[in-house]
Amino acid sequence: MRKIVFFGCLLLSICLSSQVFSHTPLCFCTDQGNGTIVCEGGFSDGDSAAGMRIQVVDANGKIILAGYMNENSEFSFKKPKVEYAVIFDAGPGHIAKVPSSEITE
């Protein structure tokens, strides 16, 4: 009986840990060339990011603006004149950060 419980717990922990790793947040941002940045979010398992929180912060971490991904898992904003980063916050331990230096046309 102990072996069955042990292997049951082992199997459960393996299944749960694979679900944690399969739900990694992803965020890709592009400069539209017209002063607008568009970011698209999602998860590594294909889940939508609609309604998920997103922030734009300056180099000191101060929030410039914040909002939520729309129904298409997108977020658009005017390009800041300072260095910035886009932070897609999908909950504790599930954050994707895109520095402005990585955002291209």
Protein backbone atom coordinates (compact mmCIF):
# COMPACT_ATOMS: atom_id res chain seq x y z
CA MET A 1 0.00 0.00 0.00
CA ARG A 2 2.86 2.42 0.81
CA LYS A 3 4.36 1.84 -2.64
CA ILE A 4 1.05 2.65 -4.34
CA VAL A 5 0.70 5.90 -2.37
CA PHE A 6 4.35 6.83 -3.06
CA PHE A 7 4.08 6.20 -6.80
CA GLY A 8 0.71 7.97 -6.91
CA CYS A 9 2.23 11.06 -5.30
CA LEU A 10 5.24 10.87 -7.60
CA LEU A 11 3.02 10.67 -10.68
CA LEU A 12 0.87 13.56 -9.47
CA SER A 13 3.92 15.79 -8.83
CA ILE A 14 5.33 15.01 -12.30
CA CYS A 15 2.02 15.90 -13.94
CA LEU A 16 1.65 19.13 -11.98
CA SER A 17 5.24 20.24 -12.62
CA SER A 18 4.84 19.74 -16.38
CA GLN A 19 1.73 21.95 -16.32
CA VAL A 20 3.66 24.71 -14.56
CA PHE A 21 6.37 24.70 -17.21
CA SER A 22 3.94 24.52 -20.11
CA HIS A 23 2.25 27.80 -19.13
CA THR A 24 5.17 30.21 -19.65
CA PRO A 25 4.10 33.77 -20.56
CA LEU A 26 5.30 35.08 -23.92
CA CYS A 27 5.31 38.68 -25.12
CA PHE A 28 6.46 40.09 -28.45
CA CYS A 29 6.44 43.81 -29.23
CA THR A 30 6.96 45.65 -32.51
CA ASP A 31 7.46 49.29 -33.36
CA GLN A 32 4.86 50.18 -36.00
CA GLY A 33 7.01 53.04 -37.34
CA ASN A 34 4.30 55.61 -36.62
CA GLY A 35 5.04 56.26 -32.93
CA THR A 36 2.99 53.26 -31.82
CA ILE A 37 4.16 50.03 -30.18
CA VAL A 38 2.02 46.89 -30.42
CA CYS A 39 2.62 43.98 -28.07
CA GLU A 40 1.12 40.53 -28.44
CA GLY A 41 1.00 38.13 -25.52
CA GLY A 42 0.17 34.52 -24.94
CA PHE A 43 1.35 31.40 -23.22
CA SER A 44 3.65 28.61 -24.33
CA ASP A 45 0.78 26.13 -24.22
CA GLY A 46 -1.24 28.24 -26.69
CA ASP A 47 -3.55 29.89 -24.15
CA SER A 48 -4.76 33.42 -24.83
CA ALA A 49 -3.51 36.40 -22.83
CA ALA A 50 -6.76 38.34 -23.23
CA GLY A 51 -7.45 40.32 -20.07
CA MET A 52 -3.95 39.87 -18.66
CA ARG A 53 -2.19 42.87 -17.08
CA ILE A 54 0.57 44.69 -18.94
CA GLN A 55 2.72 47.64 -17.86
CA VAL A 56 5.19 49.98 -19.47
CA VAL A 57 7.90 51.10 -17.03
CA ASP A 58 10.83 53.52 -17.33
CA ALA A 59 14.47 52.64 -16.61
CA ASN A 60 13.88 53.21 -12.88
CA GLY A 61 10.89 50.87 -12.78
CA LYS A 62 8.33 53.69 -12.52
CA ILE A 63 5.07 52.79 -14.25
CA ILE A 64 4.53 54.98 -17.32
CA LEU A 65 1.24 53.33 -18.21
CA ALA A 66 -0.67 50.16 -17.45
CA GLY A 67 -3.56 48.28 -18.97
CA TYR A 68 -4.78 44.89 -20.09
CA MET A 69 -4.43 42.77 -23.21
CA ASN A 70 -7.49 43.06 -25.45
CA GLU A 71 -9.58 40.15 -26.77
CA ASN A 72 -6.87 39.50 -29.40
CA SER A 73 -4.16 39.33 -26.70
CA GLU A 74 -2.74 42.65 -27.92
CA PHE A 75 -1.82 45.92 -26.22
CA SER A 76 -0.97 49.13 -28.11
CA PHE A 77 0.56 52.32 -26.78
CA LYS A 78 2.38 55.49 -27.85
CA LYS A 79 6.14 54.97 -27.90
CA PRO A 80 7.69 56.70 -24.85
CA LYS A 81 10.52 59.16 -25.45
CA VAL A 82 12.59 57.51 -22.68
CA GLU A 83 14.10 54.04 -22.29
CA TYR A 84 11.36 51.66 -21.17
CA ALA A 85 10.37 48.04 -20.78
CA VAL A 86 7.09 46.23 -21.32
CA ILE A 87 6.11 43.87 -18.52
CA PHE A 88 3.50 41.19 -19.16
CA ASP A 89 2.36 40.15 -15.69
CA ALA A 90 0.56 36.80 -15.67
CA GLY A 91 0.83 36.34 -11.90
CA PRO A 92 3.53 35.43 -9.39
CA GLY A 93 6.48 33.82 -11.12
CA HIS A 94 4.91 34.34 -14.55
CA ILE A 95 6.34 37.59 -15.88
CA ALA A 96 7.70 38.35 -19.34
CA LYS A 97 9.78 41.52 -19.74
CA VAL A 98 10.64 43.14 -23.09
CA PRO A 99 13.21 45.97 -22.94
CA SER A 100 12.76 48.79 -25.46
CA SER A 101 16.18 47.94 -26.94
CA GLU A 102 14.67 44.65 -28.22
CA ILE A 103 11.62 46.28 -29.87
CA THR A 104 12.19 46.79 -33.59
CA GLU A 105 10.15 47.67 -36.66
